[in-house]
Amino acid sequence: MKAGDLVIVKNTSTGDNPWVVDLYRTQKPLLVLRVDRDPNSYPEYAWVEIFDEGRHKYLSKRSVKVVS
């Protein structure tokens, strides 16, 4: 996964923000702006910055998958 890829939300869990659940239900493609590349961070805490409806948002890297 890299900046410029299109991703969709592949899963959600209890307690996720409503906007994350909405993105999962609609399967709306999102543009990746930046990916957490810190080698010292734990994989379960890695994130991606996405662009949605004119706003920068952050999602867990494990909750998205690349579609193109």
C-alpha atoms as a PDB file:
ATOM      1  CA  MET A   1       0.000   0.000   0.000  1.00  0.00           C
ATOM      2  CA  LYS A   2       1.325   3.440  -0.934  1.00  0.00           C
ATOM      3  CA  ALA A   3       0.213   7.019  -1.419  1.00  0.00           C
ATOM      4  CA  GLY A   4      -2.004   7.330  -4.491  1.00  0.00           C
ATOM      5  CA  ASP A   5      -3.664   3.919  -4.093  1.00  0.00           C
ATOM      6  CA  LEU A   6      -7.426   3.591  -3.866  1.00  0.00           C
ATOM      7  CA  VAL A   7      -8.653   1.608  -0.884  1.00  0.00           C
ATOM      8  CA  ILE A   8     -11.933   0.496   0.641  1.00  0.00           C
ATOM      9  CA  VAL A   9     -12.754  -0.229   4.267  1.00  0.00           C
ATOM     10  CA  LYS A  10     -12.697  -4.035   4.562  1.00  0.00           C
ATOM     11  CA  ASN A  11     -13.962  -4.404   8.141  1.00  0.00           C
ATOM     12  CA  THR A  12     -15.254  -2.568  11.172  1.00  0.00           C
ATOM     13  CA  SER A  13     -15.588  -3.390  14.829  1.00  0.00           C
ATOM     14  CA  THR A  14     -17.703  -2.391  17.782  1.00  0.00           C
ATOM     15  CA  GLY A  15     -16.900   1.166  18.790  1.00  0.00           C
ATOM     16  CA  ASP A  16     -15.782   2.422  15.363  1.00  0.00           C
ATOM     17  CA  ASN A  17     -16.852   5.918  14.430  1.00  0.00           C
ATOM     18  CA  PRO A  18     -20.113   6.090  12.445  1.00  0.00           C
ATOM     19  CA  TRP A  19     -18.280   7.521   9.423  1.00  0.00           C
ATOM     20  CA  VAL A  20     -16.047   4.404   9.323  1.00  0.00           C
ATOM     21  CA  VAL A  21     -19.085   2.107   9.414  1.00  0.00           C
ATOM     22  CA  ASP A  22     -20.685   4.163   6.626  1.00  0.00           C
ATOM     23  CA  LEU A  23     -17.560   3.810   4.475  1.00  0.00           C
ATOM     24  CA  TYR A  24     -17.640   0.046   5.057  1.00  0.00           C
ATOM     25  CA  ARG A  25     -21.306  -0.240   4.101  1.00  0.00           C
ATOM     26  CA  THR A  26     -20.975   1.845   0.932  1.00  0.00           C
ATOM     27  CA  GLN A  27     -17.585   0.392  -0.107  1.00  0.00           C
ATOM     28  CA  LYS A  28     -16.645   3.874  -1.337  1.00  0.00           C
ATOM     29  CA  PRO A  29     -13.098   4.023  -2.821  1.00  0.00           C
ATOM     30  CA  LEU A  30     -10.797   6.369  -0.897  1.00  0.00           C
ATOM     31  CA  LEU A  31      -7.519   7.984  -1.937  1.00  0.00           C
ATOM     32  CA  VAL A  32      -4.508   7.166   0.257  1.00  0.00           C
ATOM     33  CA  LEU A  33      -2.478  10.293   1.004  1.00  0.00           C
ATOM     34  CA  ARG A  34       0.085   8.867   3.411  1.00  0.00           C
ATOM     35  CA  VAL A  35       1.003   5.539   5.003  1.00  0.00           C
ATOM     36  CA  ASP A  36       2.610   5.012   8.418  1.00  0.00           C
ATOM     37  CA  ARG A  37       6.142   3.831   7.617  1.00  0.00           C
ATOM     38  CA  ASP A  38       7.624   3.937  11.117  1.00  0.00           C
ATOM     39  CA  PRO A  39       9.562   0.669  11.505  1.00  0.00           C
ATOM     40  CA  ASN A  40       9.308   0.964  15.295  1.00  0.00           C
ATOM     41  CA  SER A  41       5.507   1.079  15.391  1.00  0.00           C
ATOM     42  CA  TYR A  42       3.493  -2.032  16.088  1.00  0.00           C
ATOM     43  CA  PRO A  43       1.631  -3.343  13.006  1.00  0.00           C
ATOM     44  CA  GLU A  44      -1.715  -3.236  14.804  1.00  0.00           C
ATOM     45  CA  TYR A  45      -1.297   0.513  15.332  1.00  0.00           C
ATOM     46  CA  ALA A  46      -0.143   1.400  11.806  1.00  0.00           C
ATOM     47  CA  TRP A  47      -2.385   3.921  10.036  1.00  0.00           C
ATOM     48  CA  VAL A  48      -3.206   5.380   6.631  1.00  0.00           C
ATOM     49  CA  GLU A  49      -4.266   8.939   5.929  1.00  0.00           C
ATOM     50  CA  ILE A  50      -7.162   9.086   3.478  1.00  0.00           C
ATOM     51  CA  PHE A  51      -9.076  11.862   1.750  1.00  0.00           C
ATOM     52  CA  ASP A  52     -12.873  11.758   2.087  1.00  0.00           C
ATOM     53  CA  GLU A  53     -15.380  14.510   1.314  1.00  0.00           C
ATOM     54  CA  GLY A  54     -12.763  17.251   1.420  1.00  0.00           C
ATOM     55  CA  ARG A  55     -11.270  16.137   4.758  1.00  0.00           C
ATOM     56  CA  HIS A  56      -8.166  14.262   5.803  1.00  0.00           C
ATOM     57  CA  LYS A  57      -9.017  11.242   7.959  1.00  0.00           C
ATOM     58  CA  TYR A  58      -7.019   8.449   9.544  1.00  0.00           C
ATOM     59  CA  LEU A  59      -7.814   4.748   9.532  1.00  0.00           C
ATOM     60  CA  SER A  60      -6.105   1.660  10.837  1.00  0.00           C
ATOM     61  CA  LYS A  61      -3.966   0.131   8.110  1.00  0.00           C
ATOM     62  CA  ARG A  62      -5.404  -3.307   8.883  1.00  0.00           C
ATOM     63  CA  SER A  63      -8.988  -2.152   8.213  1.00  0.00           C
ATOM     64  CA  VAL A  64      -8.466  -1.181   4.565  1.00  0.00           C
ATOM     65  CA  LYS A  65      -7.563  -3.039   1.387  1.00  0.00           C
ATOM     66  CA  VAL A  66      -6.242  -1.792  -1.947  1.00  0.00           C
ATOM     67  CA  VAL A  67      -8.653  -1.890  -4.898  1.00  0.00           C
ATOM     68  CA  SER A  68      -6.378  -0.282  -7.521  1.00  0.00           C
END
